[in-house]
Protein backbone atom coordinates (compact mmCIF):
# COMPACT_ATOMS: atom_id res chain seq x y z
CA MET A 1 117.12 156.42 287.85
CA ARG A 2 120.58 156.15 289.41
CA LEU A 3 123.27 156.19 286.77
CA SER A 4 125.34 153.66 288.74
CA ARG A 5 122.57 151.14 288.00
CA TYR A 6 121.60 152.32 284.53
CA PHE A 7 122.75 150.58 281.38
CA LEU A 8 124.53 153.48 279.70
CA THR A 9 127.91 153.30 278.02
CA THR A 10 129.18 156.54 276.52
CA LEU A 11 132.05 156.76 274.06
CA LYS A 12 134.76 159.42 274.03
CA GLU A 13 135.79 158.76 270.45
CA THR A 14 133.52 158.85 267.43
CA PRO A 15 133.16 155.48 265.62
CA ALA A 16 134.65 155.61 262.15
CA GLU A 17 131.40 154.60 260.42
CA ALA A 18 129.48 157.63 261.74
CA LYS A 19 129.42 160.34 259.08
CA ILE A 20 126.72 162.75 260.31
CA VAL A 21 126.11 164.48 263.64
CA SER A 22 123.10 162.45 264.78
CA HIS A 23 124.78 159.12 264.05
CA ARG A 24 127.93 160.19 265.89
CA LEU A 25 126.07 161.48 268.92
CA MET A 26 123.63 158.58 269.16
CA LEU A 27 126.53 156.12 269.21
CA ARG A 28 128.61 158.19 271.62
CA ALA A 29 125.65 158.80 273.96
CA GLY A 30 124.88 155.09 274.17
CA MET A 31 121.47 155.38 272.53
CA VAL A 32 121.89 152.69 269.87
CA ARG A 33 124.30 150.02 268.73
CA GLN A 34 124.51 148.68 265.19
CA ALA A 35 123.30 145.09 264.81
CA SER A 36 123.96 144.88 261.06
CA ALA A 37 124.05 147.29 258.12
CA GLY A 38 121.20 149.76 258.58
CA ILE A 39 119.71 147.88 261.57
CA TYR A 40 120.12 149.03 265.18
CA SER A 41 119.44 147.86 268.69
CA TRP A 42 117.85 150.61 270.76
CA LEU A 43 119.47 150.83 274.18
CA PRO A 44 117.66 152.21 277.27
CA LEU A 45 118.47 155.91 276.71
CA GLY A 46 117.55 155.85 273.02
CA PHE A 47 114.49 153.73 273.63
CA ARG A 48 113.12 156.29 276.09
CA VAL A 49 113.38 159.03 273.44
CA LEU A 50 111.74 156.74 270.87
CA ARG A 51 108.84 156.08 273.25
CA ASN A 52 108.44 159.78 274.09
CA ILE A 53 108.10 160.61 270.39
CA GLU A 54 105.71 157.71 269.91
CA ASN A 55 103.55 158.87 272.83
CA ILE A 56 103.26 162.39 271.42
CA VAL A 57 102.17 160.94 268.09
CA HIS A 58 99.53 158.76 269.81
CA GLU A 59 98.19 161.73 271.79
CA GLU A 60 97.95 164.04 268.78
CA MET A 61 96.37 161.37 266.58
CA ALA A 62 93.76 160.68 269.26
CA ALA A 63 93.02 164.41 269.52
CA ALA A 64 92.45 164.47 265.75
CA GLY A 65 90.06 161.51 265.91
CA ALA A 66 92.35 158.81 264.50
CA GLN A 67 92.11 155.32 266.02
CA ALA A 68 95.12 153.13 266.73
CA VAL A 69 95.43 149.58 265.38
CA LEU A 70 98.40 147.28 264.95
CA MET A 71 99.06 145.45 261.69
CA PRO A 72 101.64 142.71 261.13
CA THR A 73 105.15 143.24 259.87
CA LEU A 74 104.81 140.28 257.46
CA GLN A 75 102.26 140.48 254.66
CA LEU A 76 101.04 138.07 251.99
CA ALA A 77 102.46 138.75 248.54
CA ASP A 78 99.08 137.90 246.96
CA LEU A 79 97.59 141.04 248.47
CA TRP A 80 100.26 143.16 246.83
CA ARG A 81 99.74 141.33 243.55
CA GLU A 82 96.08 142.37 243.71
CA SER A 83 97.09 146.00 243.95
CA GLY A 84 99.74 145.63 241.25
CA ARG A 85 102.61 146.77 243.48
CA TYR A 86 104.34 143.47 244.21
CA ASP A 87 106.54 143.53 241.10
CA ALA A 88 106.55 147.30 240.73
CA TYR A 89 107.92 148.15 244.18
CA GLY A 90 111.51 147.20 243.42
CA PRO A 91 114.42 145.55 245.26
CA GLU A 92 113.84 147.61 248.42
CA MET A 93 111.08 145.15 249.32
CA LEU A 94 112.30 142.11 251.26
CA ARG A 95 110.57 139.09 249.70
CA ILE A 96 110.50 135.79 251.57
CA SER A 97 108.69 132.42 251.58
CA ASP A 98 107.24 130.61 254.57
CA ARG A 99 107.53 126.85 255.19
CA HIS A 100 104.51 126.23 252.93
CA ASP A 101 106.18 128.11 250.06
CA ARG A 102 103.74 131.01 250.32
CA ASP A 103 105.25 134.23 249.04
CA MET A 104 105.42 136.87 251.76
CA LEU A 105 107.12 140.19 252.32
CA TYR A 106 108.36 142.30 255.19
CA GLY A 107 106.07 145.30 254.91
CA PRO A 108 107.63 148.57 253.74
CA THR A 109 104.17 150.19 254.02
CA ASN A 110 100.57 149.12 254.70
CA GLU A 111 98.15 150.52 252.11
CA GLU A 112 97.16 147.04 250.91
CA GLN A 113 96.80 145.59 254.39
CA ILE A 114 94.57 148.36 255.72
CA THR A 115 92.47 148.40 252.53
CA GLN A 116 91.85 144.67 252.94
CA ILE A 117 90.71 145.28 256.53
CA MET A 118 88.29 147.95 255.36
CA ARG A 119 87.06 145.78 252.47
CA ASP A 120 86.28 142.93 254.86
CA ASP A 121 84.74 145.01 257.67
CA ILE A 122 82.69 147.87 256.22
CA ARG A 123 79.60 147.61 254.04
CA SER A 124 77.58 150.83 254.12
CA TYR A 125 78.26 154.50 253.43
CA ARG A 126 77.19 154.97 257.05
CA ASP A 127 80.43 153.27 258.12
CA LEU A 128 82.47 156.21 256.79
CA PRO A 129 84.56 158.21 257.42
CA ARG A 130 87.27 156.19 259.12
CA ASN A 131 90.80 157.15 260.13
CA LEU A 132 93.05 154.36 261.39
CA TYR A 133 96.76 154.31 262.09
CA HIS A 134 99.45 152.19 263.63
CA ILE A 135 103.06 152.55 264.72
CA GLN A 136 105.04 149.57 263.52
CA TRP A 137 108.50 148.51 262.38
CA LYS A 138 109.13 148.61 258.64
CA PHE A 139 111.87 147.27 256.43
CA ARG A 140 113.21 148.65 253.17
CA ASP A 141 116.35 147.08 251.81
CA GLU A 142 118.31 150.25 251.04
CA ILE A 143 121.20 149.55 248.71
CA ARG A 144 123.50 151.77 250.78
CA PRO A 145 122.10 152.23 254.29
CA ARG A 146 123.88 155.12 255.95
CA PHE A 147 123.56 158.00 258.37
CA GLY A 148 122.44 155.82 261.28
CA VAL A 149 118.69 155.89 261.96
CA MET A 150 118.24 158.65 259.38
CA ARG A 151 118.44 156.16 256.53
CA GLY A 152 118.42 152.66 257.88
CA ARG A 153 116.85 149.49 256.58
CA GLU A 154 114.65 148.84 259.60
CA PHE A 155 112.72 151.78 261.04
CA LEU A 156 109.72 152.63 263.21
CA MET A 157 106.95 154.35 261.28
CA LYS A 158 103.56 155.80 262.01
CA ASP A 159 101.26 154.91 259.10
CA GLY A 160 97.80 156.49 259.08
CA TYR A 161 95.01 155.88 256.59
CA SER A 162 91.75 157.74 255.99
CA PHE A 163 88.71 156.33 254.15
CA ASP A 164 85.94 158.53 252.75
CA LEU A 165 83.09 158.55 250.25
CA ASP A 166 84.41 161.12 247.79
CA PHE A 167 87.12 163.68 247.16
CA GLU A 168 85.52 166.44 249.24
CA ALA A 169 85.25 164.21 252.28
CA ALA A 170 88.75 162.86 251.70
CA LYS A 171 90.11 166.42 251.43
CA ARG A 172 88.60 167.18 254.82
CA SER A 173 90.37 164.15 256.30
CA TYR A 174 93.57 165.34 254.60
CA ASN A 175 93.21 168.77 256.20
CA ILE A 176 92.71 167.22 259.63
CA MET A 177 95.95 165.30 259.33
CA PHE A 178 97.74 168.31 257.84
CA VAL A 179 96.90 170.39 260.92
CA ALA A 180 97.51 167.48 263.31
CA TYR A 181 100.99 167.00 261.86
CA LEU A 182 101.92 170.64 262.37
CA ARG A 183 100.81 170.38 266.00
CA THR A 184 102.60 167.06 266.50
CA TYR A 185 105.97 168.43 265.43
CA ALA A 186 105.48 171.61 267.46
CA ARG A 187 104.89 169.43 270.54
CA MET A 188 108.35 167.98 269.95
CA GLY A 189 109.98 171.40 269.86
CA LEU A 190 110.29 171.39 266.07
CA LYS A 191 109.29 173.90 263.41
CA ALA A 192 108.05 171.77 260.53
CA ILE A 193 107.34 173.43 257.19
CA PRO A 194 104.79 171.75 254.85
CA MET A 195 105.90 171.56 251.24
CA GLN A 196 104.11 170.32 248.17
CA ALA A 197 105.67 167.02 247.18
CA ASP A 198 105.58 164.08 244.80
CA SER A 199 103.81 160.95 245.97
CA GLY A 200 106.44 158.45 244.83
CA PRO A 201 105.53 154.73 244.77
CA ILE A 202 102.54 155.24 247.09
CA GLY A 203 100.78 157.31 244.46
CA GLY A 204 98.26 160.13 244.71
CA ASP A 205 97.28 163.58 243.50
CA LEU A 206 97.62 165.66 246.66
CA SER A 207 100.80 165.39 248.68
CA HIS A 208 102.83 167.35 251.23
CA GLU A 209 106.02 166.54 253.02
CA PHE A 210 106.96 168.10 256.36
CA VAL A 211 110.52 169.37 256.59
CA ILE A 212 112.52 170.64 259.58
CA LEU A 213 115.59 172.83 259.14
CA ALA A 214 119.03 171.50 259.99
CA ASP A 215 122.46 172.52 258.71
CA THR A 216 123.12 168.91 257.73
CA GLY A 217 119.74 168.48 256.00
CA GLU A 218 119.49 166.24 252.96
CA SER A 219 117.58 168.72 250.77
CA ALA A 220 117.84 172.39 249.91
CA VAL A 221 114.81 174.31 251.19
CA TYR A 222 113.37 177.59 249.90
CA ALA A 223 110.56 179.14 251.93
CA ASP A 224 108.77 182.36 252.74
CA LYS A 225 110.18 183.80 255.97
CA ARG A 226 106.66 184.24 257.36
CA LEU A 227 106.20 180.48 257.58
CA PHE A 228 108.80 180.30 260.34
CA ASP A 229 106.90 182.82 262.46
CA MET A 230 103.60 180.92 262.26
CA ASP A 231 102.51 178.96 265.34
CA PRO A 232 100.52 175.72 264.79
CA HIS A 233 98.87 176.27 268.18
CA ALA A 234 97.82 179.86 267.46
CA ASP A 235 94.56 178.83 265.80
CA ASP A 236 91.56 177.56 267.71
CA VAL A 237 91.40 174.13 266.09
CA ASP A 238 88.14 172.21 265.95
CA PHE A 239 88.85 168.90 264.26
CA GLU A 240 85.10 168.49 263.60
CA GLY A 241 84.91 171.85 261.91
CA ASP A 242 86.23 173.32 258.66
CA LEU A 243 90.03 173.31 258.59
CA GLU A 244 90.37 174.48 254.99
CA PRO A 245 91.18 178.10 256.04
CA ILE A 246 94.10 176.86 258.18
CA PHE A 247 95.29 174.61 255.36
CA LYS A 248 95.19 177.51 252.90
CA LYS A 249 96.98 179.84 255.32
CA TRP A 250 99.95 177.47 255.53
CA THR A 251 100.03 176.45 251.86
CA SER A 252 99.51 179.92 250.38
CA LEU A 253 103.08 180.91 251.28
CA TYR A 254 105.93 179.76 249.10
CA ALA A 255 107.80 176.66 250.26
CA ALA A 256 109.72 174.16 248.14
CA THR A 257 112.59 171.73 248.25
CA ASP A 258 115.25 171.77 245.56
CA GLU A 259 113.23 169.28 243.49
CA LYS A 260 110.23 171.63 243.31
CA HIS A 261 111.94 175.03 243.53
CA ASP A 262 111.67 177.12 240.40
CA PRO A 263 113.31 180.57 240.72
CA THR A 264 111.33 181.83 237.74
CA VAL A 265 108.00 181.36 239.51
CA CYS A 266 109.08 181.95 243.11
CA SER A 267 106.88 184.68 244.60
CA VAL A 268 109.33 185.60 247.38
CA GLU A 269 112.44 187.75 246.95
CA GLY A 270 115.41 189.05 248.87
CA GLU A 271 115.57 188.70 252.64
CA ASN A 272 112.01 187.34 252.73
CA LEU A 273 113.20 184.12 251.08
CA VAL A 274 114.84 181.67 253.47
CA GLU A 275 117.37 179.36 251.86
CA ALA A 276 118.42 176.50 254.12
CA ARG A 277 118.82 172.74 254.41
CA GLY A 278 115.99 170.49 255.53
CA ILE A 279 115.15 166.97 256.69
CA GLU A 280 111.88 165.28 255.78
CA VAL A 281 110.12 163.96 258.89
CA GLY A 282 106.67 163.19 257.53
CA HIS A 283 104.66 162.80 254.34
CA ILE A 284 100.92 162.82 253.64
CA PHE A 285 99.07 161.75 250.48
CA TYR A 286 95.60 161.66 249.00
CA PHE A 287 95.43 158.77 246.53
CA GLY A 288 91.74 158.45 245.76
CA THR A 289 90.73 154.97 244.58
CA LYS A 290 94.26 153.80 243.77
CA TYR A 291 93.95 150.87 246.19
CA SER A 292 90.21 150.48 246.66
CA GLU A 293 89.65 149.84 242.93
CA PRO A 294 92.02 146.86 242.45
CA LEU A 295 91.20 145.45 245.89
CA GLY A 296 87.44 145.89 245.50
CA CYS A 297 86.90 148.09 248.56
CA ALA A 298 83.47 149.70 248.17
CA VAL A 299 80.41 150.65 250.21
CA THR A 300 76.72 150.53 249.39
CA MET A 301 74.94 153.87 248.90
CA PRO A 302 71.23 154.51 249.80
CA ASP A 303 70.16 153.74 246.20
CA GLY A 304 72.05 150.43 246.22
CA GLU A 305 74.96 151.75 244.16
CA LYS A 306 78.43 150.44 245.04
CA ARG A 307 80.93 153.27 245.50
CA LEU A 308 84.68 152.88 245.74
CA ILE A 309 86.28 154.34 248.83
CA HIS A 310 88.66 157.31 248.56
CA GLY A 311 91.83 156.89 250.59
CA GLY A 312 94.64 158.92 252.07
CA SER A 313 97.95 157.94 253.68
CA TYR A 314 99.82 159.76 256.45
CA GLY A 315 103.33 158.82 257.54
CA ILE A 316 105.64 160.00 260.31
CA GLY A 317 109.15 158.58 260.64
CA VAL A 318 109.19 157.95 264.39
CA SER A 319 112.70 156.48 264.61
CA ARG A 320 113.96 158.92 261.97
CA LEU A 321 112.73 161.78 264.13
CA VAL A 322 115.20 160.82 266.86
CA GLY A 323 118.07 161.50 264.46
CA ALA A 324 116.38 164.52 262.89
CA ILE A 325 115.84 166.21 266.26
CA ILE A 326 119.52 165.75 267.08
CA GLU A 327 120.53 167.16 263.70
CA ALA A 328 118.41 170.23 264.45
CA SER A 329 119.34 170.54 268.15
CA HIS A 330 122.95 169.97 269.22
CA ASP A 331 126.16 171.84 269.96
CA ASP A 332 129.86 171.02 270.15
CA ALA A 333 129.41 169.25 273.50
CA GLY A 334 126.56 166.95 272.48
CA ILE A 335 122.80 166.64 272.14
CA VAL A 336 120.41 169.38 273.30
CA TRP A 337 117.05 167.64 273.79
CA PRO A 338 113.77 169.57 273.56
CA ASP A 339 111.91 169.04 276.86
CA ALA A 340 109.05 166.99 275.45
CA VAL A 341 111.20 164.23 273.95
CA ALA A 342 114.17 164.15 276.36
CA PRO A 343 114.89 160.73 277.91
CA PHE A 344 115.01 162.38 281.36
CA ASN A 345 114.11 165.91 282.42
CA VAL A 346 116.98 166.49 284.85
CA ALA A 347 120.59 165.39 285.16
CA LEU A 348 121.34 165.42 288.89
CA ILE A 349 125.12 165.51 289.31
CA ASN A 350 126.69 164.64 292.64
CA LEU A 351 130.25 165.93 292.40
CA LYS A 352 131.43 164.02 295.46
CA SER A 353 129.64 160.69 295.66
CA GLY A 354 130.48 159.00 298.96
CA ASP A 355 130.55 162.26 300.89
CA GLU A 356 127.87 161.98 303.55
CA VAL A 357 126.57 165.53 303.24
CA CYS A 358 126.64 165.67 299.42
CA ASP A 359 124.94 162.27 299.23
CA ALA A 360 122.20 163.39 301.62
CA VAL A 361 121.44 166.58 299.64
CA ALA A 362 121.54 164.77 296.29
CA ASN A 363 119.33 161.95 297.53
CA ASP A 364 116.83 164.43 298.95
CA LEU A 365 116.67 166.31 295.64
CA TYR A 366 116.29 163.04 293.75
CA ALA A 367 113.38 161.96 295.99
CA LYS A 368 111.57 165.30 295.81
CA LEU A 369 111.85 165.60 292.03
CA SER A 370 110.83 161.99 291.49
CA ASP A 371 107.84 162.35 293.81
CA ALA A 372 106.76 165.37 291.74
CA GLY A 373 106.79 163.26 288.58
CA VAL A 374 110.04 164.65 287.17
CA GLN A 375 112.21 162.10 285.37
CA VAL A 376 115.70 162.33 286.91
CA LEU A 377 118.97 160.67 285.94
CA HIS A 378 121.08 160.81 289.11
CA ASP A 379 124.81 160.66 288.40
CA ASP A 380 125.93 159.01 291.62
CA ARG A 381 129.01 157.36 290.06
CA ASP A 382 132.42 157.49 291.67
CA GLU A 383 133.88 159.50 288.79
CA ARG A 384 135.76 162.74 288.30
CA ALA A 385 133.68 165.90 287.95
CA GLY A 386 134.96 166.45 284.40
CA VAL A 387 133.74 163.02 283.31
CA LYS A 388 130.30 163.64 284.80
CA PHE A 389 129.90 167.05 283.18
CA ALA A 390 131.09 165.76 279.80
CA ASP A 391 128.72 162.80 279.87
CA MET A 392 125.74 164.92 280.88
CA ASP A 393 126.45 167.50 278.19
CA LEU A 394 126.78 164.65 275.70
CA ILE A 395 123.40 163.08 276.47
CA GLY A 396 121.83 166.54 276.59
CA LEU A 397 119.11 166.47 279.26
CA PRO A 398 117.26 169.81 279.51
CA TRP A 399 118.36 170.61 283.09
CA GLN A 400 121.59 169.94 284.98
CA LEU A 401 121.38 170.21 288.76
CA THR A 402 124.81 170.02 290.40
CA VAL A 403 125.50 169.27 294.06
CA GLY A 404 129.06 169.91 295.31
CA PRO A 405 130.82 170.34 298.68
CA ARG A 406 131.31 174.09 298.29
CA GLY A 407 127.69 174.75 297.39
CA VAL A 408 126.35 172.45 300.09
CA LYS A 409 128.20 174.50 302.72
CA ALA A 410 126.58 177.66 301.36
CA GLY A 411 123.16 176.01 301.04
CA THR A 412 123.15 176.29 297.24
CA VAL A 413 123.22 174.14 294.13
CA GLU A 414 124.05 174.99 290.52
CA LEU A 415 121.23 174.89 287.97
CA LYS A 416 122.14 174.85 284.31
CA ARG A 417 119.83 175.00 281.32
CA ARG A 418 121.39 172.75 278.68
CA ALA A 419 119.99 174.84 275.82
CA GLY A 420 122.09 177.99 275.96
CA GLY A 421 124.21 176.87 278.91
CA ASP A 422 122.95 179.49 281.38
CA LYS A 423 124.01 178.68 284.97
CA GLU A 424 122.72 179.96 288.30
CA GLU A 425 123.68 179.41 291.92
CA LEU A 426 120.37 178.97 293.73
CA SER A 427 119.08 177.82 297.04
CA ILE A 428 117.87 174.23 296.97
CA ASP A 429 114.24 175.30 297.26
CA SER A 430 114.60 177.88 294.50
CA ALA A 431 116.22 175.36 292.15
CA LEU A 432 113.42 172.88 292.80
CA SER A 433 110.79 175.54 292.19
CA ARG A 434 112.44 176.62 288.93
CA ILE A 435 112.41 173.07 287.56
CA LEU A 436 108.92 172.23 288.78
CA ASP A 437 107.41 175.51 287.55
CA PHE A 438 108.97 175.01 284.10
CA ASP A 439 107.91 171.36 283.92
CA SER A 440 104.31 172.22 284.76
C-alpha cells in the first residue's frame, strides 16, 4: 500500500482525553477515532490490527476443535428472564424495545443465546461434546468509559461455549481451551499468565483469567518466576488426548492478582516472586448447569433419562487486545508491534520521492516484497525525512527499509528492526533476504 493513497492521519500532539499509553498512541497513529463516549470508529490501520488478532483467534480455535458461528447483537429479553439474569445483570445492560414493544437488549454476552440454540438443536447424548464460538460486537454501558479501547462501551469479543455430559467431560473441554488460550496469546507475541479468578456475573466454579504484564496494568500481579520461562508451544499438544498434565503444570505454580493474593499462603519467596502490573486479556469459566437448568437444555441418555448439559464459557477481548498489546509493547517514539499482529510487515521509506533513481529502487523493492506476500506500507509522500521517520516509528511496523540518495549510489539501503532499533547498511539483495527469511 502506498502511503500517499492510504487513509492515515497521524497526530503530533496527544489529545487531552487520552490518559494511558495505548489510548494516546492509537489516536496519534490514526488507528481509531472516538464516535461517542466509549465507542470508536476503527480506521484502516487499526482495523488491520483488529483483523490480524481475530484471524489468529480463528486459527487457534479451529486447531482446538471449536466451530465458528455468528449470533446476533440484539437478543430477546424473555430469554434472559428465563435464565434469571435480565434483572440481575445491572445497568451495564442496554435495554431497548422494538416497534412491537418487545423487550430486547444489546448483548453483553451470549450464554443464554447459545444455550437456546443447543436446546433447540440437540437431542441425544451422542450429539455431545460440542464447542462453538463467535466473534461479535458487544455493548456494556460502563458508567465511566475510559482508557480508549481498554474499557469502552462497545467492544469486539470472542465468546466460546462448550457443552458436555458431565463434569469430567466438561473439565476436559476446559483444559482444551486453557491450552488453546496460552497458544493463542503466544502467537501474538504475548506472555499470558493464567490466574485463578472469580466468575463474576457469568457464574461458575472453575475460572481462570489470562493476564499479560504491562507497566500500566490495571491489577497488581504476583507470580512464580518460572511461569515466565514456560513456553506454551514446548509441549506436544494433542487436543484429542489428555491435557490435564499440561493444565496442572501451569496451575501448580503460584500466580494471583491483588484480589486473590494472600502473602500468608504464598508459596514463593524472594527473587522467585515476580511483582508486576497486569492486564486481563481473557477469561474462561466452567459453570455446570447454571444455564441449562433454567432454560431446559438436556439430552436423552441410553436408558431414556434426561440429563442437563454442563457448560463452559471462554472469552477473549479481541478489541481490548489491541490496546493491551500496545501497553505491553511500546517505547518513547511509539508503538512496537509484534510481527504476527502488525498492520504491515515493512515500512518502506523513500527519503527523496520524485527522484528518478530513488523512486526506481523503492518501487522495485515494493514490488518484490509484495510479490513475496510481505505486507508493505510504502511511504512515497513528498515529506521531509524527519516527518517520515517519526510517523513510521509512531505506527511501529516491525521493519523499516529506507531508500536514500546516498545509499542508492553505494548500492545499499538501511534496514532497521523497530524492536530494539538496530540498524544495518545492507545491499538491496541482502536486505530483501533478511526480511523474507525472517517472515518465513
